[in-house]
Amino acid sequence: MILYAIFNLFIIAPFIEWSIHYGIHRPPPLKYHKNHHLSYFSNKPLYEFWVIPVILFLYYMTWYLASLGFFKYTIVHNIIHYFPNALPSLTRHHLIHHENPKVNFAVSAIFPDKIMGTYSKYFPSEKVVKI
């Protein structure tokens, strides 16, 4: 049971997270999520309160792994925005997404973007020089 939970939390959950985030960016984009992106440019990140009722609902429905997955997402996402030096590679990955919302949809892992073909390691302002 422990291995099943770890697999779900660290392998399956990032793909679900990627799918939801990718879907949020499809037309019409959610207004609240657009505000989250705009808050990045004002250096005033918005806490995502919508996650709390989702976590509680999933827990109430006894979908404990799903609840734990959303909890992991919200912890990582808040660390990225409020304590960026704690997770530098995930922070860079996510902040690239804020500047280019067509890439890097995963938050708590990088590998879903690599597998799904939405990975970018460059900020839009960085020039890639091939030698």
Foldseek 3Di string as FASTA:
>chain_A
DVVVLCCCQPPVLLLVQLVVLQVCPPPPHDPVVVVQLVVVVVLRHDQDPVLVVVLVVCVVVVVNSNSVNSVLQSVQVCCLSPVVVVPVVLVQLVVLCSQPVQARRGRNDRVSRVVVVRGDNDRPPDDDDDD
